[in-house]
C-alpha atoms as a PDB file:
ATOM      1  CA  GLU A   1     -14.798 -11.464  -3.420  1.00  0.00           C
ATOM      2  CA  TYR A   2     -11.656 -12.902  -1.768  1.00  0.00           C
ATOM      3  CA  ASP A   3     -12.768 -16.537  -1.986  1.00  0.00           C
ATOM      4  CA  ARG A   4     -12.492 -16.352  -5.808  1.00  0.00           C
ATOM      5  CA  LYS A   5      -8.893 -15.137  -5.855  1.00  0.00           C
ATOM      6  CA  GLN A   6      -6.071 -17.306  -7.169  1.00  0.00           C
ATOM      7  CA  VAL A   7      -3.560 -18.776  -4.731  1.00  0.00           C
ATOM      8  CA  TYR A   8       0.122 -18.514  -5.672  1.00  0.00           C
ATOM      9  CA  GLN A   9       3.378 -20.107  -4.657  1.00  0.00           C
ATOM     10  CA  ILE A  10       5.735 -17.262  -3.759  1.00  0.00           C
ATOM     11  CA  ARG A  11       9.487 -17.774  -4.239  1.00  0.00           C
ATOM     12  CA  CYS A  12      12.371 -15.492  -3.378  1.00  0.00           C
ATOM     13  CA  GLY A  13      13.376 -13.575  -6.487  1.00  0.00           C
ATOM     14  CA  HIS A  14      17.022 -13.711  -5.441  1.00  0.00           C
ATOM     15  CA  CYS A  15      17.619 -17.381  -4.525  1.00  0.00           C
ATOM     16  CA  ASP A  16      14.393 -19.120  -5.690  1.00  0.00           C
ATOM     17  CA  SER A  17      13.541 -20.510  -2.216  1.00  0.00           C
ATOM     18  CA  ILE A  18       9.846 -21.082  -1.519  1.00  0.00           C
ATOM     19  CA  LEU A  19       8.523 -18.393   0.842  1.00  0.00           C
ATOM     20  CA  THR A  20       4.867 -19.497   0.989  1.00  0.00           C
ATOM     21  CA  ASN A  21       2.328 -21.632  -0.847  1.00  0.00           C
ATOM     22  CA  ARG A  22      -0.530 -19.372   0.296  1.00  0.00           C
ATOM     23  CA  GLY A  23       0.179 -16.157  -1.624  1.00  0.00           C
ATOM     24  CA  MET A  24      -2.507 -13.912  -3.043  1.00  0.00           C
ATOM     25  CA  ASN A  25      -2.292 -11.016  -5.478  1.00  0.00           C
ATOM     26  CA  ALA A  26      -2.872  -7.770  -3.604  1.00  0.00           C
ATOM     27  CA  VAL A  27      -2.680  -4.003  -3.909  1.00  0.00           C
ATOM     28  CA  LEU A  28      -1.392  -1.454  -1.456  1.00  0.00           C
ATOM     29  CA  LEU A  29      -4.516  -0.087   0.240  1.00  0.00           C
ATOM     30  CA  SER A  30      -3.129   3.445   0.446  1.00  0.00           C
ATOM     31  CA  ASP A  31      -1.993   3.425  -3.215  1.00  0.00           C
ATOM     32  CA  ARG A  32      -3.902   0.931  -5.359  1.00  0.00           C
ATOM     33  CA  SER A  33      -1.433   1.324  -8.251  1.00  0.00           C
ATOM     34  CA  VAL A  34       1.179  -0.637  -6.251  1.00  0.00           C
ATOM     35  CA  GLN A  35       0.919  -4.395  -6.920  1.00  0.00           C
ATOM     36  CA  LEU A  36       1.983  -6.786  -4.152  1.00  0.00           C
ATOM     37  CA  PHE A  37       1.460 -10.340  -2.988  1.00  0.00           C
ATOM     38  CA  SER A  38       0.362 -11.255   0.516  1.00  0.00           C
ATOM     39  CA  THR A  39      -0.239 -14.205   2.804  1.00  0.00           C
ATOM     40  CA  ASP A  40      -2.360 -14.691   5.893  1.00  0.00           C
ATOM     41  CA  LEU A  41      -0.069 -17.087   7.782  1.00  0.00           C
ATOM     42  CA  VAL A  42       3.238 -16.195   9.391  1.00  0.00           C
ATOM     43  CA  PRO A  43       5.853 -17.495   6.939  1.00  0.00           C
ATOM     44  CA  ASN A  44       8.632 -19.424   8.689  1.00  0.00           C
ATOM     45  CA  THR A  45      10.847 -18.682   5.692  1.00  0.00           C
ATOM     46  CA  VAL A  46      11.388 -14.969   6.386  1.00  0.00           C
ATOM     47  CA  GLY A  47      12.864 -13.038   9.288  1.00  0.00           C
ATOM     48  CA  PHE A  48      12.502  -9.472  10.494  1.00  0.00           C
ATOM     49  CA  VAL A  49      15.041  -6.841   9.491  1.00  0.00           C
ATOM     50  CA  GLN A  50      15.784  -4.023  11.952  1.00  0.00           C
ATOM     51  CA  GLY A  51      12.863  -2.122  13.515  1.00  0.00           C
ATOM     52  CA  ASP A  52       9.445  -0.737  12.694  1.00  0.00           C
ATOM     53  CA  TYR A  53       8.979   2.359  10.572  1.00  0.00           C
ATOM     54  CA  SER A  54       6.066   4.340   9.153  1.00  0.00           C
ATOM     55  CA  ALA A  55       4.887   3.269   5.711  1.00  0.00           C
ATOM     56  CA  ALA A  56       5.588   5.708   2.880  1.00  0.00           C
ATOM     57  CA  SER A  57       1.983   6.295   1.825  1.00  0.00           C
ATOM     58  CA  CYS A  58       0.052   6.019   5.122  1.00  0.00           C
ATOM     59  CA  THR A  59       0.660   5.824   8.875  1.00  0.00           C
ATOM     60  CA  CYS A  60       0.791   2.029   9.163  1.00  0.00           C
ATOM     61  CA  ARG A  61       3.742   0.740  11.186  1.00  0.00           C
ATOM     62  CA  VAL A  62       5.658  -1.850   9.142  1.00  0.00           C
ATOM     63  CA  ARG A  63       8.828  -3.918   9.439  1.00  0.00           C
ATOM     64  CA  ASP A  64      10.853  -5.333   6.547  1.00  0.00           C
ATOM     65  CA  THR A  65      11.211  -9.080   6.127  1.00  0.00           C
ATOM     66  CA  ALA A  66      14.067 -10.954   4.459  1.00  0.00           C
ATOM     67  CA  CYS A  67      14.457 -14.444   3.018  1.00  0.00           C
ATOM     68  CA  LEU A  68      16.123 -16.679   5.610  1.00  0.00           C
ATOM     69  CA  VAL A  69      18.109 -18.520   2.915  1.00  0.00           C
ATOM     70  CA  CYS A  70      19.806 -15.597   1.147  1.00  0.00           C
ATOM     71  CA  GLY A  71      19.113 -12.634   3.448  1.00  0.00           C
ATOM     72  CA  ASN A  72      17.587 -10.346   0.806  1.00  0.00           C
ATOM     73  CA  VAL A  73      14.587  -8.198   1.729  1.00  0.00           C
ATOM     74  CA  VAL A  74      11.471  -9.573   0.037  1.00  0.00           C
ATOM     75  CA  GLY A  75       8.657  -7.674   1.711  1.00  0.00           C
ATOM     76  CA  TYR A  76       7.315  -6.443   5.016  1.00  0.00           C
ATOM     77  CA  HIS A  77       4.874  -7.162   7.823  1.00  0.00           C
ATOM     78  CA  VAL A  78       2.196  -4.652   8.822  1.00  0.00           C
ATOM     79  CA  ASN A  79       2.622  -4.572  12.603  1.00  0.00           C
ATOM     80  CA  VAL A  80       0.075  -1.821  13.277  1.00  0.00           C
ATOM     81  CA  PRO A  81      -2.379  -0.953  10.490  1.00  0.00           C
ATOM     82  CA  CYS A  82      -3.541   2.666  10.368  1.00  0.00           C
ATOM     83  CA  LYS A  83      -7.198   3.730  10.592  1.00  0.00           C
ATOM     84  CA  VAL A  84      -7.329   4.619   6.895  1.00  0.00           C
ATOM     85  CA  CYS A  85      -6.180   1.152   5.802  1.00  0.00           C
ATOM     86  CA  LEU A  86      -8.363  -0.633   8.361  1.00  0.00           C
ATOM     87  CA  GLY A  87     -11.352   1.311   7.036  1.00  0.00           C
ATOM     88  CA  GLN A  88     -10.905  -0.077   3.501  1.00  0.00           C
ATOM     89  CA  PRO A  89     -11.914  -3.535   2.277  1.00  0.00           C
ATOM     90  CA  ASN A  90      -9.033  -5.908   2.925  1.00  0.00           C
ATOM     91  CA  ASN A  91      -8.377  -9.640   3.169  1.00  0.00           C
ATOM     92  CA  GLY A  92      -6.728  -9.577   6.603  1.00  0.00           C
ATOM     93  CA  HIS A  93      -3.294 -10.383   5.185  1.00  0.00           C
ATOM     94  CA  TYR A  94      -0.493  -8.520   6.939  1.00  0.00           C
ATOM     95  CA  TRP A  95       2.519 -10.359   5.473  1.00  0.00           C
ATOM     96  CA  MET A  96       3.354  -8.579   2.220  1.00  0.00           C
ATOM     97  CA  PHE A  97       5.786  -9.476  -0.576  1.00  0.00           C
ATOM     98  CA  ARG A  98       7.089  -6.864  -3.033  1.00  0.00           C
ATOM     99  CA  SER A  99       6.533  -7.950  -6.626  1.00  0.00           C
ATOM    100  CA  ALA A 100      10.042  -6.849  -7.659  1.00  0.00           C
ATOM    101  CA  ASP A 101      11.649  -9.178  -5.087  1.00  0.00           C
ATOM    102  CA  ILE A 102       9.660 -12.380  -5.590  1.00  0.00           C
ATOM    103  CA  LYS A 103       8.449 -14.828  -8.234  1.00  0.00           C
ATOM    104  CA  ALA A 104       4.807 -15.923  -8.132  1.00  0.00           C
ATOM    105  CA  SER A 105       3.340 -18.979  -9.838  1.00  0.00           C
ATOM    106  CA  GLN A 106       0.013 -20.792  -9.631  1.00  0.00           C
END
């Protein structure tokens, strides 16, 4: 299923900097109504913000990421996935981008 998905260029929605050229459309595993984008490689265009916290809709441990150019939060990294999320079909992407904070193009 995942080999047929489109690959997107993800840009910061605040400053238009390229964040990754390996983005994929995704959904939040614990709430499939939430649309996201993800990548499988560590982006060198984002940095961590503060510390880990528990995700809102499951017990995954996540940490926000921000664009290194403008400093705005654009997503998060799943540091420790919970058993519920690991038990669902996933693409192994743990670098997530919030749709409201990015621009995606093919």
